[in-house]
C-alpha atoms as a PDB file:
ATOM      1  CA  UNK A   1       6.644  13.982 -16.707  1.00  0.00           C
ATOM      2  CA  UNK A   2       7.345  16.452 -13.961  1.00  0.00           C
ATOM      3  CA  UNK A   3       5.488  15.659 -10.748  1.00  0.00           C
ATOM      4  CA  UNK A   4       5.070  19.403 -10.100  1.00  0.00           C
ATOM      5  CA  UNK A   5       2.605  19.574 -13.012  1.00  0.00           C
ATOM      6  CA  UNK A   6       0.384  16.908 -11.419  1.00  0.00           C
ATOM      7  CA  UNK A   7      -2.243  17.134  -8.679  1.00  0.00           C
ATOM      8  CA  UNK A   8      -2.890  14.232  -6.312  1.00  0.00           C
ATOM      9  CA  UNK A   9      -6.641  13.625  -6.030  1.00  0.00           C
ATOM     10  CA  UNK A  10      -8.851  11.156  -4.178  1.00  0.00           C
ATOM     11  CA  UNK A  11     -12.272   9.667  -4.913  1.00  0.00           C
ATOM     12  CA  UNK A  12     -14.170   8.235  -1.942  1.00  0.00           C
ATOM     13  CA  UNK A  13     -16.670   5.394  -2.235  1.00  0.00           C
ATOM     14  CA  UNK A  14     -18.716   3.775   0.512  1.00  0.00           C
ATOM     15  CA  UNK A  15     -19.779   0.297  -0.570  1.00  0.00           C
ATOM     16  CA  UNK A  16     -23.036  -0.789   1.111  1.00  0.00           C
ATOM     17  CA  UNK A  17     -23.328  -4.292   2.550  1.00  0.00           C
ATOM     18  CA  UNK A  18     -19.671  -4.609   3.561  1.00  0.00           C
ATOM     19  CA  UNK A  19     -18.155  -4.268   7.009  1.00  0.00           C
ATOM     20  CA  UNK A  20     -17.115  -0.804   8.198  1.00  0.00           C
ATOM     21  CA  UNK A  21     -13.437  -0.855   7.147  1.00  0.00           C
ATOM     22  CA  UNK A  22     -13.887  -2.738   3.869  1.00  0.00           C
ATOM     23  CA  UNK A  23     -16.661  -0.488   2.635  1.00  0.00           C
ATOM     24  CA  UNK A  24     -14.527   2.663   2.755  1.00  0.00           C
ATOM     25  CA  UNK A  25     -12.976   2.299  -0.705  1.00  0.00           C
ATOM     26  CA  UNK A  26     -10.614   4.986  -2.017  1.00  0.00           C
ATOM     27  CA  UNK A  27      -8.954   5.700  -5.352  1.00  0.00           C
ATOM     28  CA  UNK A  28      -5.911   7.973  -5.453  1.00  0.00           C
ATOM     29  CA  UNK A  29      -4.868   9.352  -8.804  1.00  0.00           C
ATOM     30  CA  UNK A  30      -2.670  12.004 -10.351  1.00  0.00           C
ATOM     31  CA  UNK A  31      -4.304  14.581 -12.619  1.00  0.00           C
ATOM     32  CA  UNK A  32      -2.493  16.892 -15.013  1.00  0.00           C
ATOM     33  CA  UNK A  33      -4.780  19.865 -15.729  1.00  0.00           C
ATOM     34  CA  UNK A  34      -2.625  20.997 -18.663  1.00  0.00           C
ATOM     35  CA  UNK A  35      -3.053  17.764 -20.614  1.00  0.00           C
ATOM     36  CA  UNK A  36      -6.232  16.436 -18.907  1.00  0.00           C
ATOM     37  CA  UNK A  37      -4.353  13.213 -18.182  1.00  0.00           C
ATOM     38  CA  UNK A  38      -5.140  10.843 -15.301  1.00  0.00           C
ATOM     39  CA  UNK A  39      -2.709   8.275 -13.871  1.00  0.00           C
ATOM     40  CA  UNK A  40      -3.973   5.806 -11.266  1.00  0.00           C
ATOM     41  CA  UNK A  41      -1.839   5.862  -8.129  1.00  0.00           C
ATOM     42  CA  UNK A  42      -3.596   3.436  -5.787  1.00  0.00           C
ATOM     43  CA  UNK A  43      -6.974   1.879  -5.036  1.00  0.00           C
ATOM     44  CA  UNK A  44      -7.452   0.687  -1.467  1.00  0.00           C
ATOM     45  CA  UNK A  45      -9.846   0.097   1.408  1.00  0.00           C
ATOM     46  CA  UNK A  46      -9.457   1.171   5.001  1.00  0.00           C
ATOM     47  CA  UNK A  47      -9.052  -2.511   5.880  1.00  0.00           C
ATOM     48  CA  UNK A  48      -5.716  -2.362   4.002  1.00  0.00           C
ATOM     49  CA  UNK A  49      -4.635   1.074   5.282  1.00  0.00           C
ATOM     50  CA  UNK A  50      -5.971   2.945   8.326  1.00  0.00           C
ATOM     51  CA  UNK A  51      -5.391   6.201   6.483  1.00  0.00           C
ATOM     52  CA  UNK A  52      -4.088   6.845   3.042  1.00  0.00           C
ATOM     53  CA  UNK A  53      -0.965   5.014   1.834  1.00  0.00           C
ATOM     54  CA  UNK A  54       2.356   6.643   2.685  1.00  0.00           C
ATOM     55  CA  UNK A  55       3.964   9.225   0.417  1.00  0.00           C
ATOM     56  CA  UNK A  56       6.622   6.652  -0.499  1.00  0.00           C
ATOM     57  CA  UNK A  57       3.969   4.144  -1.634  1.00  0.00           C
ATOM     58  CA  UNK A  58       2.179   6.807  -3.654  1.00  0.00           C
ATOM     59  CA  UNK A  59       5.443   7.931  -5.261  1.00  0.00           C
ATOM     60  CA  UNK A  60       6.313   4.313  -6.147  1.00  0.00           C
ATOM     61  CA  UNK A  61       2.874   3.875  -7.747  1.00  0.00           C
ATOM     62  CA  UNK A  62       3.401   7.118  -9.692  1.00  0.00           C
ATOM     63  CA  UNK A  63       6.832   5.982 -10.919  1.00  0.00           C
ATOM     64  CA  UNK A  64       5.408   2.594 -11.938  1.00  0.00           C
ATOM     65  CA  UNK A  65       2.512   4.205 -13.831  1.00  0.00           C
ATOM     66  CA  UNK A  66       4.864   6.668 -15.519  1.00  0.00           C
ATOM     67  CA  UNK A  67       7.113   3.864 -16.739  1.00  0.00           C
ATOM     68  CA  UNK A  68       4.126   1.831 -17.970  1.00  0.00           C
ATOM     69  CA  UNK A  69       2.689   4.800 -19.878  1.00  0.00           C
ATOM     70  CA  UNK A  70       5.995   5.568 -21.589  1.00  0.00           C
ATOM     71  CA  UNK A  71       6.435   2.078 -23.076  1.00  0.00           C
END
């Protein structure tokens, strides 16, 4: 897989009943519009990360998902 073919996307969820940082739940994923394929990159809350995970962490998650999907 060539990373250039993939788009990094984010889904935002606010979970009611949790404290402010825990309720801001995010899912980062890679989407390939040519094949309509989705690969999960990272799911996290703002309690774990103030902003989104670093590019290095996202790339590592992508590499891990790519290896898992090829076996």
